[in-house]
Protein backbone atom coordinates (compact mmCIF):
# COMPACT_ATOMS: atom_id res chain seq x y z
CA MET A 1 -38.07 21.52 32.76
CA SER A 2 -40.30 22.61 35.61
CA ALA A 3 -42.53 20.64 37.93
CA ASP A 4 -45.34 21.85 40.09
CA SER A 5 -45.72 21.54 43.85
CA LYS A 6 -46.00 18.24 45.65
CA GLN A 7 -49.28 19.34 47.18
CA PRO A 8 -52.44 17.83 45.61
CA THR A 9 -53.74 20.17 42.91
CA PRO A 10 -56.27 20.23 40.08
CA PRO A 11 -55.64 18.24 36.87
CA PRO A 12 -53.18 19.66 34.29
CA GLU A 13 -54.18 22.05 31.52
CA ASP A 14 -54.69 19.28 29.01
CA GLY A 15 -56.75 17.44 31.64
CA ALA A 16 -59.08 20.24 32.68
CA ALA A 17 -62.10 19.06 34.67
CA THR A 18 -65.50 20.41 35.57
CA THR A 19 -66.91 19.61 39.02
CA ALA A 20 -70.67 19.20 38.58
CA ASP A 21 -70.64 15.91 40.48
CA SER A 22 -67.69 15.19 42.79
CA THR A 23 -68.66 11.52 43.09
CA SER A 24 -68.31 10.87 39.35
CA LEU A 25 -65.26 11.36 37.15
CA LEU A 26 -64.75 10.55 33.47
CA LEU A 27 -61.20 9.91 32.26
CA SER A 28 -61.43 10.33 28.50
CA HIS A 29 -59.13 9.26 25.65
CA ALA A 30 -56.69 7.39 27.91
CA ARG A 31 -54.32 4.87 26.36
CA LEU A 32 -54.02 1.40 27.93
CA THR A 33 -50.99 -0.89 27.84
CA ASP A 34 -52.73 -3.12 25.27
CA GLY A 35 -52.85 -0.18 22.84
CA ARG A 36 -56.55 0.67 23.17
CA THR A 37 -57.72 4.24 23.68
CA VAL A 38 -60.65 4.31 26.08
CA ASP A 39 -62.94 6.33 28.30
CA VAL A 40 -63.06 5.28 31.96
CA ARG A 41 -65.91 6.38 34.23
CA LEU A 42 -65.34 6.39 37.98
CA VAL A 43 -68.21 6.47 40.47
CA GLY A 44 -68.05 6.17 44.25
CA GLY A 45 -64.37 5.23 44.34
CA ARG A 46 -64.64 2.40 41.81
CA ILE A 47 -64.40 1.98 38.05
CA GLU A 48 -67.98 1.89 36.81
CA ALA A 49 -67.37 1.46 33.08
CA VAL A 50 -64.64 1.27 30.44
CA GLY A 51 -65.56 1.97 26.80
CA THR A 52 -64.02 3.02 23.53
CA ALA A 53 -62.89 6.65 23.36
CA GLY A 54 -65.87 8.98 23.06
CA SER A 55 -68.45 6.33 24.00
CA LEU A 56 -69.06 7.29 27.65
CA ALA A 57 -70.93 10.37 28.77
CA ALA A 58 -69.55 12.54 31.56
CA VAL A 59 -72.03 12.71 34.44
CA GLY A 60 -69.79 14.87 36.63
CA ALA A 61 -66.18 15.95 36.16
CA ARG A 62 -64.19 15.08 33.05
CA VAL A 63 -60.44 14.80 32.55
CA ASP A 64 -58.94 14.59 29.07
CA LEU A 65 -56.05 12.10 29.18
CA THR A 66 -55.06 12.37 25.54
CA GLY A 67 -51.37 11.51 25.38
CA TYR A 68 -51.37 9.68 28.71
CA LEU A 69 -50.91 5.99 29.52
CA LEU A 70 -53.38 4.87 32.20
CA LEU A 71 -52.13 2.29 34.72
CA PRO A 72 -53.17 0.77 38.03
CA ALA A 73 -51.71 3.02 40.71
CA ALA A 74 -48.37 2.18 42.25
CA ALA A 75 -47.88 1.39 45.94
CA GLU A 76 -44.94 1.91 48.30
CA PRO A 77 -44.29 -1.23 50.41
CA HIS A 78 -41.09 -0.04 52.10
CA ALA A 79 -40.21 3.51 53.09
CA HIS A 80 -38.97 5.11 56.32
CA ALA A 81 -41.21 7.92 57.52
CA ASP A 82 -39.47 8.86 60.77
CA THR A 83 -36.12 9.67 59.12
CA ALA A 84 -37.40 10.83 55.70
CA LEU A 85 -36.11 14.15 54.35
CA SER A 86 -33.62 14.56 57.18
CA ALA A 87 -30.34 14.34 55.23
CA ASP A 88 -29.91 18.11 55.05
CA SER A 89 -30.87 18.82 58.63
CA PRO A 90 -28.22 20.83 60.49
CA GLY A 91 -26.90 18.84 63.41
CA PRO A 92 -28.48 15.63 64.73
CA VAL A 93 -31.79 14.52 63.25
CA SER A 94 -34.70 15.84 65.29
CA TYR A 95 -37.25 13.35 66.57
CA ALA A 96 -39.50 15.98 68.10
CA PRO A 97 -43.07 14.85 67.34
CA GLU A 98 -43.96 17.97 65.35
CA GLU A 99 -40.81 17.61 63.23
CA VAL A 100 -41.37 13.91 62.56
CA GLN A 101 -44.98 14.61 61.63
CA ARG A 102 -43.95 17.37 59.23
CA ARG A 103 -41.34 15.18 57.51
CA ALA A 104 -43.64 12.16 57.38
CA THR A 105 -46.43 14.22 55.85
CA GLU A 106 -44.16 15.77 53.24
CA ALA A 107 -42.66 12.38 52.39
CA ALA A 108 -46.09 10.78 51.98
CA LEU A 109 -47.22 13.58 49.68
CA LEU A 110 -44.01 13.30 47.66
CA GLN A 111 -44.58 9.58 47.15
CA LEU A 112 -48.26 10.19 46.39
CA GLY A 113 -47.27 12.65 43.69
CA HIS A 114 -45.13 9.91 42.17
CA GLY A 115 -48.20 7.65 42.04
CA ALA A 116 -48.15 5.60 45.26
CA THR A 117 -51.70 5.75 46.63
CA GLY A 118 -50.94 3.05 49.24
CA GLN A 119 -47.83 3.33 51.44
CA ARG A 120 -46.09 1.44 54.25
CA ALA A 121 -44.08 3.67 56.58
CA HIS A 122 -41.50 1.92 58.77
CA VAL A 123 -40.99 3.64 62.13
CA ARG A 124 -38.47 2.72 64.80
CA THR A 125 -39.85 2.18 68.29
CA GLY A 126 -38.06 1.96 71.60
CA ASP A 127 -34.60 3.34 72.41
CA VAL A 128 -34.56 6.90 73.75
CA HIS A 129 -37.44 8.08 71.56
CA GLY A 130 -39.96 5.50 72.73
CA LEU A 131 -43.24 5.69 70.84
CA GLY A 132 -43.06 9.42 70.07
CA PRO A 133 -42.07 9.06 66.38
CA LEU A 134 -44.78 6.46 65.84
CA GLU A 135 -47.46 8.72 67.31
CA ALA A 136 -46.24 11.52 65.01
CA VAL A 137 -46.50 9.27 61.94
CA LEU A 138 -49.96 8.11 63.00
CA GLN A 139 -50.99 11.76 63.30
CA ALA A 140 -49.65 12.36 59.79
CA ARG A 141 -51.73 9.40 58.61
CA ARG A 142 -54.86 10.91 60.11
CA SER A 143 -54.21 14.26 58.43
CA LEU A 144 -53.72 12.55 55.06
CA ARG A 145 -56.91 10.48 55.18
CA GLY A 146 -58.67 10.70 51.84
CA LEU A 147 -55.45 11.48 49.97
CA VAL A 148 -53.40 8.34 50.55
CA ASP A 149 -53.69 5.05 52.48
CA LEU A 150 -50.76 5.09 54.91
CA THR A 151 -49.91 2.14 57.17
CA ALA A 152 -47.35 2.41 59.98
CA VAL A 153 -44.91 -0.45 60.57
CA ALA A 154 -43.55 -0.68 64.13
CA VAL A 155 -39.82 -1.51 64.04
CA PRO A 156 -38.39 -2.50 67.46
CA ARG A 157 -34.63 -2.75 67.86
CA LEU A 158 -34.26 -5.49 70.51
CA LEU A 159 -36.79 -8.17 71.47
CA THR A 160 -34.77 -10.86 73.27
CA GLY A 161 -33.06 -11.11 76.63
CA VAL A 162 -33.40 -8.65 79.48
CA ALA A 163 -32.90 -5.65 77.18
CA GLY A 164 -35.59 -6.94 74.84
CA ALA A 165 -38.37 -7.13 77.43
CA ASP A 166 -39.07 -3.40 77.21
CA GLY A 167 -38.98 -3.56 73.41
CA LEU A 168 -41.52 -6.38 73.40
CA ALA A 169 -43.90 -4.48 75.69
CA MET A 170 -43.51 -1.35 73.58
CA LEU A 171 -44.21 -3.31 70.40
CA ARG A 172 -47.55 -4.46 71.81
CA ASP A 173 -48.32 -0.87 72.81
CA ALA A 174 -47.46 0.29 69.28
CA LEU A 175 -50.05 -2.06 67.80
CA LYS A 176 -52.66 -0.85 70.28
CA MET A 177 -51.88 2.73 69.21
CA GLY A 178 -52.58 1.98 65.57
CA ALA A 179 -49.51 0.46 63.92
CA GLY A 180 -50.80 -2.00 61.32
CA VAL A 181 -47.70 -4.14 60.73
CA VAL A 182 -44.99 -5.68 62.91
CA GLY A 183 -41.55 -4.92 61.53
CA GLY A 184 -38.00 -5.25 62.78
CA CYS A 185 -34.45 -6.19 61.98
CA PRO A 186 -33.51 -9.61 63.42
CA ASP A 187 -29.94 -9.25 62.12
CA LEU A 188 -29.30 -6.57 64.77
CA ASP A 189 -30.54 -8.64 67.74
CA PRO A 190 -28.10 -10.92 69.64
CA ASP A 191 -30.58 -13.76 69.06
CA PRO A 192 -31.96 -13.39 65.48
CA SER A 193 -34.08 -16.55 65.68
CA GLY A 194 -35.53 -15.52 69.01
CA TYR A 195 -36.30 -12.09 67.57
CA VAL A 196 -38.22 -13.63 64.64
CA GLU A 197 -40.08 -15.94 67.01
CA ALA A 198 -41.13 -12.97 69.19
CA VAL A 199 -42.26 -10.95 66.15
CA LEU A 200 -44.33 -13.81 64.77
CA GLU A 201 -45.93 -14.43 68.16
CA VAL A 202 -46.99 -10.79 68.58
CA ALA A 203 -48.22 -10.61 64.98
CA ALA A 204 -50.33 -13.74 65.47
CA GLU A 205 -51.80 -12.28 68.68
CA HIS A 206 -52.96 -9.16 66.86
CA GLY A 207 -53.68 -10.64 63.43
CA VAL A 208 -51.32 -8.31 61.56
CA PRO A 209 -48.69 -8.89 58.86
CA VAL A 210 -44.93 -9.09 59.43
CA ASP A 211 -42.37 -7.07 57.46
CA LEU A 212 -38.74 -7.69 58.42
CA HIS A 213 -35.44 -6.14 57.37
CA THR A 214 -32.72 -8.63 56.53
CA ASP A 215 -29.73 -8.68 54.24
CA GLY A 216 -30.43 -12.33 53.44
CA GLY A 217 -26.76 -13.22 53.19
CA ASP A 218 -26.97 -16.08 55.73
CA PRO A 219 -28.76 -19.04 54.08
CA ALA A 220 -29.13 -20.95 57.36
CA ARG A 221 -30.79 -17.95 59.01
CA LEU A 222 -33.11 -17.55 56.01
CA ALA A 223 -34.05 -21.21 56.19
CA ARG A 224 -34.95 -20.89 59.89
CA LEU A 225 -37.00 -17.76 59.16
CA ALA A 226 -38.88 -19.53 56.37
CA ALA A 227 -39.56 -22.54 58.59
CA MET A 228 -41.00 -20.34 61.34
CA ALA A 229 -42.96 -18.04 59.01
CA GLY A 230 -44.63 -20.67 56.88
CA GLY A 231 -48.40 -20.48 57.06
CA LEU A 232 -48.62 -17.27 59.10
CA ARG A 233 -51.57 -15.16 58.00
CA PRO A 234 -51.96 -12.40 56.89
CA GLY A 235 -48.41 -12.89 55.65
CA VAL A 236 -44.68 -12.33 56.03
CA SER A 237 -42.42 -10.19 53.86
CA ILE A 238 -38.68 -9.62 54.13
CA GLY A 239 -36.22 -7.33 52.43
CA PRO A 240 -34.09 -6.00 50.91
CA CYS A 241 -32.26 -9.38 50.72
CA ALA A 242 -29.35 -7.99 48.72
CA GLY A 243 -27.15 -10.62 50.38
CA LEU A 244 -28.88 -13.34 48.37
CA GLY A 245 -27.19 -11.91 45.31
CA ARG A 246 -23.76 -12.47 46.86
CA LEU A 247 -24.35 -16.16 47.55
CA PRO A 248 -23.29 -18.93 45.15
CA ALA A 249 -26.06 -19.50 42.62
CA GLU A 250 -27.04 -22.96 43.88
CA VAL A 251 -27.12 -21.82 47.50
CA ALA A 252 -29.26 -18.82 46.55
CA ARG A 253 -31.64 -21.06 44.59
CA ARG A 254 -32.16 -23.36 47.59
CA ALA A 255 -32.83 -20.36 49.82
CA ALA A 256 -35.31 -18.99 47.27
CA ASP A 257 -37.07 -22.36 47.10
CA GLY A 258 -37.49 -22.30 50.89
CA LEU A 259 -38.96 -18.79 50.82
CA ALA A 260 -41.36 -19.76 48.04
CA ALA A 261 -42.53 -22.86 49.92
CA ALA A 262 -43.19 -20.75 53.03
CA GLY A 263 -45.06 -18.08 51.08
CA VAL A 264 -42.65 -15.33 52.13
CA THR A 265 -42.57 -12.24 49.91
CA VAL A 266 -39.31 -10.42 49.17
CA VAL A 267 -39.45 -6.61 48.99
CA CYS A 268 -36.33 -5.48 47.17
CA LEU A 269 -34.97 -1.91 47.17
CA PRO A 270 -33.54 -1.17 43.70
CA GLN A 271 -32.91 2.50 44.55
CA GLY A 272 -30.63 1.70 47.50
CA GLY A 273 -30.74 0.37 51.01
CA CYS A 274 -32.00 1.86 54.24
CA GLY A 275 -30.73 2.55 57.72
CA SER A 276 -31.60 -0.91 59.04
CA THR A 277 -29.32 -2.70 56.56
CA GLU A 278 -25.66 -1.83 56.28
CA ARG A 279 -24.67 -3.63 53.08
CA ARG A 280 -25.77 -2.45 49.66
CA GLY A 281 -26.59 -4.31 46.48
CA SER A 282 -29.70 -5.72 44.88
CA ALA A 283 -31.73 -8.85 45.46
CA PRO A 284 -31.56 -11.42 42.60
CA VAL A 285 -35.10 -10.74 41.40
CA ARG A 286 -35.01 -13.06 38.39
CA LEU A 287 -33.76 -15.98 40.51
CA LEU A 288 -36.43 -15.31 43.13
CA ARG A 289 -39.22 -15.06 40.57
CA ALA A 290 -38.05 -18.24 38.87
CA ALA A 291 -38.34 -20.04 42.23
CA GLY A 292 -41.92 -18.79 42.64
CA VAL A 293 -41.22 -16.09 45.24
CA ARG A 294 -43.48 -13.03 45.08
CA VAL A 295 -41.19 -10.02 44.55
CA ALA A 296 -42.29 -6.46 45.22
CA ALA A 297 -40.14 -3.35 45.06
CA GLY A 298 -39.94 -0.38 47.42
CA SER A 299 -37.96 2.83 47.76
CA GLY A 300 -36.19 2.38 51.10
CA ALA A 301 -34.51 5.50 52.40
CA LEU A 302 -35.94 8.83 51.28
CA ARG A 303 -33.29 11.52 51.52
CA ASP A 304 -31.94 10.53 54.90
CA VAL A 305 -28.42 9.60 56.02
CA ALA A 306 -28.76 6.12 54.50
CA ASN A 307 -29.50 7.56 51.06
CA PRO A 308 -29.35 11.37 50.85
CA VAL A 309 -30.64 11.34 47.26
CA GLY A 310 -33.48 8.82 47.65
CA ARG A 311 -36.45 9.82 45.51
CA GLY A 312 -39.24 7.63 46.82
CA ASP A 313 -40.41 7.08 43.25
CA PRO A 314 -41.99 3.71 42.38
CA LEU A 315 -41.45 4.28 38.66
CA GLU A 316 -37.74 4.74 39.26
CA ALA A 317 -37.71 1.43 41.15
CA ALA A 318 -39.46 -0.21 38.19
CA TYR A 319 -37.01 1.42 35.78
CA LEU A 320 -34.06 0.00 37.72
CA LEU A 321 -35.64 -3.47 37.82
CA ALA A 322 -35.92 -3.33 34.04
CA SER A 323 -32.59 -1.67 33.23
CA LEU A 324 -30.39 -3.41 35.81
CA GLY A 325 -32.49 -6.38 36.94
CA GLY A 326 -33.36 -7.55 33.45
CA LEU A 327 -37.12 -7.73 33.99
CA PRO A 328 -39.51 -6.93 31.13
CA PRO A 329 -41.19 -3.52 31.67
CA GLU A 330 -44.54 -5.18 32.46
CA GLU A 331 -43.04 -7.33 35.22
CA ALA A 332 -40.98 -4.42 36.54
CA TYR A 333 -44.07 -2.22 36.87
CA ALA A 334 -46.05 -5.06 38.44
CA ALA A 335 -43.43 -5.21 41.21
CA VAL A 336 -44.34 -1.66 42.27
CA SER A 337 -48.07 -1.97 41.60
CA ALA A 338 -49.84 -5.35 41.62
CA GLU A 339 -47.20 -7.19 43.70
CA ALA A 340 -46.67 -4.27 46.05
CA ARG A 341 -50.41 -3.95 46.62
CA ALA A 342 -50.70 -7.69 47.24
CA VAL A 343 -48.00 -7.76 49.92
CA MET A 344 -49.67 -4.76 51.58
CA GLY A 345 -53.06 -6.49 51.61
CA LEU A 346 -54.62 -3.90 49.28
CA PRO A 347 -57.30 -4.88 46.75
CA GLU A 348 -56.26 -5.80 43.23
CA VAL A 349 -56.57 -3.02 40.66
CA ARG A 350 -57.20 -3.38 36.95
CA VAL A 351 -58.47 -0.84 34.48
CA GLU A 352 -61.74 -2.72 34.25
CA ALA A 353 -65.26 -2.18 35.53
CA GLY A 354 -65.74 -3.10 39.17
CA PHE A 355 -62.18 -2.55 40.34
CA PRO A 356 -61.04 0.17 42.77
CA ALA A 357 -60.38 3.56 41.17
CA GLU A 358 -56.69 3.66 42.16
CA LEU A 359 -55.03 4.85 38.97
CA LEU A 360 -51.91 6.53 37.65
CA ALA A 361 -51.83 8.37 34.31
CA VAL A 362 -48.36 9.10 32.91
CA ARG A 363 -47.63 11.01 29.73
CA GLY A 364 -46.44 8.50 27.16
CA GLU A 365 -47.61 5.84 24.75
CA ARG A 366 -45.95 2.65 25.99
CA LEU A 367 -44.84 1.31 29.34
CA SER A 368 -41.18 1.18 28.32
CA GLY A 369 -41.25 4.88 27.44
CA VAL A 370 -43.13 5.74 30.61
CA LEU A 371 -40.46 4.05 32.74
CA SER A 372 -37.78 6.01 30.89
CA LEU A 373 -39.36 9.49 30.97
CA ALA A 374 -42.06 9.51 33.62
CA TYR A 375 -42.34 13.23 34.22
CA SER A 376 -45.97 14.34 33.84
CA ARG A 377 -48.31 12.32 36.04
CA LEU A 378 -51.88 12.40 37.31
CA VAL A 379 -52.85 10.34 40.37
CA VAL A 380 -56.35 9.09 41.19
CA HIS A 381 -57.20 7.80 44.68
CA ARG A 382 -60.66 6.57 45.61
CA GLY A 383 -62.07 7.93 42.39
CA ARG A 384 -60.76 11.49 42.49
CA VAL A 385 -57.66 13.29 41.28
CA VAL A 386 -55.43 13.85 44.32
CA ALA A 387 -52.11 14.88 42.76
CA ARG A 388 -50.54 15.91 39.51
CA THR A 389 -47.08 16.74 38.21
CA SER A 390 -46.58 18.67 34.97
CA ALA A 391 -43.29 19.02 33.15
CA VAL A 392 -42.43 21.05 30.06
CA ARG A 393 -39.16 20.84 28.13
CA GLU A 394 -38.25 23.74 25.82
CA TYR A 395 -35.72 23.87 22.98
CA CYS A 396 -34.35 26.92 21.25
CA ASP A 397 -34.70 27.07 17.46
CA SER A 398 -32.08 24.99 15.68
CA ALA A 399 -31.86 22.64 12.76
CA ALA A 400 -31.81 19.68 15.16
CA ALA A 401 -34.99 20.78 16.96
CA LEU A 402 -37.18 21.79 14.05
CA ASP A 403 -38.63 18.32 13.51
CA LEU A 404 -39.64 17.79 17.13
CA PRO A 405 -43.38 17.61 17.86
CA ARG A 406 -44.74 21.09 18.54
CA GLN A 407 -47.43 20.74 21.20
CA ALA A 408 -47.41 24.30 22.50
CA ARG A 409 -45.65 27.62 22.17
CA PRO A 410 -44.53 30.00 24.91
CA GLU A 411 -47.20 32.64 25.44
CA ARG A 412 -44.96 35.34 26.91
CA PRO A 413 -42.13 37.08 25.02
CA PRO A 414 -38.58 35.99 25.76
CA GLU A 415 -36.49 37.91 28.25
CA PRO A 416 -34.11 40.48 26.75
CA GLY A 417 -30.93 38.79 25.64
CA SER A 418 -32.35 35.27 25.84
CA PRO A 419 -32.14 32.91 22.84
CA PRO A 420 -35.25 32.61 20.69
CA ALA A 421 -37.72 30.07 22.02
CA GLY A 422 -38.32 26.96 19.93
CA PRO A 423 -40.46 23.84 20.12
CA VAL A 424 -42.08 23.02 23.45
CA VAL A 425 -42.58 19.37 24.33
CA ARG A 426 -44.71 18.16 27.25
CA SER A 427 -43.02 15.28 29.05
């Protein structure tokens, strides 16, 4: 199996497009989750029309999505841009601005290729590196404009006491620079409640959301957080809350009820934790949903010391929610698409006329199959194709392989001494 580059490229062979009008794009013969096969016309970054297959005329470019399932695009509500892709770095991780910018850009493109057209990038502020990593991530955001919507989350270490005064001043500076969300990890501050209070105060001053790291294993601390966060607009999210899963069921249910009443969203990390939380595990998503808590799912660490094999793939997060968390495939995918977009303040997306043209096409017929084998993908952001991944699996001739669907044949002769080529299946 081979995959193409992470850089945005033209549509795949079976999705060839013409470019007569770059503002209009027709996605033809796409399958929807309700089983219909449709044409979808995109104009000016929005879905203009959805009709039965073959019913819509192509005004500009056309992409044939035969064999693909068309979905609202995924979003990434929790990733770490400053440390991404640093696991294999020789020696200490470099925080030189040019190195952070390079890693953050590559990480954003990797996640975009997976289908996340909206992303939140958590960036530590303060300590010895000051605001340098944040400025580098903001520069990466500017260079990626038009490809992906990237929001930086400022994550101060300390906000209380004498040591926290500098962190508080730097947090305000971070928001003035362009950070769009106040983050942090109250569990690491000597005064967790004071930390939360400071974060909420700064967020209210600037009218920005709050996104906090917490293990969630202390029900009293969660209750205080919910009491303080209730009613804050534009909203409060916390995660990964794996500690909730280690609490007695009744205690966890009461904590979930408090979060639901306060309108706090939980962003779980099915693929693993991140550097700001030391304990691993998974949040009890079914318990939280039953209590009425909005649950979104993120990727967490992306190939850094906290998770050297992190993929940053929303479909993998959805797969794990379904396979390990017990959610139906539709609810699992909603956690990385509709719910993730909601917690990030992004507009709702449906494959219907009038909605934003933020779409993900994955080769497959049903959502359950797509979550299992999501290899070939095509990503649409603001009405244009911005990334694609193509994968081809080949089998040599054998009795077991003869009945497999034959979608293509190798065009070049086999290398000397290699086994005879057999059926080729696009995945």
